[in-house]
Amino acid sequence: MTEAAEGRETAGRGVRESEGAAAEATGEVGGMPERLRAYPEERPAAEVLDWAIRAFQPRIALASSFGAEDVVLIDMWWRADREVRVFTLDTGRLPEETYEVMDRIRERYAIAIASYFPERAAVEVLERERGFYSFRRSVADRKHCCGIRKVEPLGRALAGLEAWVTGLRREQAETRSAVQQVERDPALGGILKVNPLADWTTEDVWRYVRTHDVPYNRLHDRGYPSIGCAPCTRAVLPGEDLRAGRWCWERPQTKECGLHPVPGKGA
């Protein structure tokens, strides 16, 4: 089993345990809970998020890498409910600018940000046996690194939750063109995944940021529409797609880290 698959299985076990407890407590046995069956598709983003918060609080959290979409969702959540629950996956190789905006967000909204780090022993083995830039050798090596630094910590972050919120948008990449606002995540044991901005354009995102003066990562002003780990991210060139700067040595079809597997294509 790959590192990514192991991380997803860890997450899945936590989610299944959570869903089992919830079913026992509410009488929801088998099938989709009534609150989800009643959800109409394609609502405005703020309505989607407000519905999810009211339906699943306190067992819902926002996964944030502090890109433009994620800070929009933090602001949107804060306007609906000041009890914003945010977690981030600190891979140990994030750009300085990402930590800067994290601190600005924490201060602006007076919220706690839960950081989940990779397991120390796994990183030590990775770097000792494969070096510091093994992710550039092949897609398999890169996904091995992502499995350790992102997927396994995500499993711990989602443990006990019924739903998680992401900033995924269909426009972002070929691998995300089928994203729905509300969907089950089979790779993570069927946990509910809420993507309020699924149908938003880049212009929609930045219009919101400007209108509400939301703090954002200053790398966006330097040609980085998508920001991940520092050694795996570069600015995009004119005419390139939004995620061209992520793992720029790979084909577009493989540019996912394992957090958001493409249906039918694994991680």
Foldseek 3Di string as FASTA:
>chain_A
DALLLVLLVLLQVLQVVLVVVVCVVPVPDDDDDPLVVPDDFDDALLVLVLSCCVVFPPQEAEEDQQALLRLLVQVSVCVNPLQHHYEYQCLVQFDPLSVVLVVVSCVVSVYDYHYFFFDPVLVVCLCVPQNDPNLLVDLSSVLNSLSRRPSNSVSVVNRNHQEYEYQQELQQAPLRVPDTQWAFDVSNNRRIYGHSCHHPDPVRSVVSCVVVVGRGRCVVVVQQNDGDGPVQADHDDPPDGNCCRGNVVDDRVSPDNSPRDRPPHHD
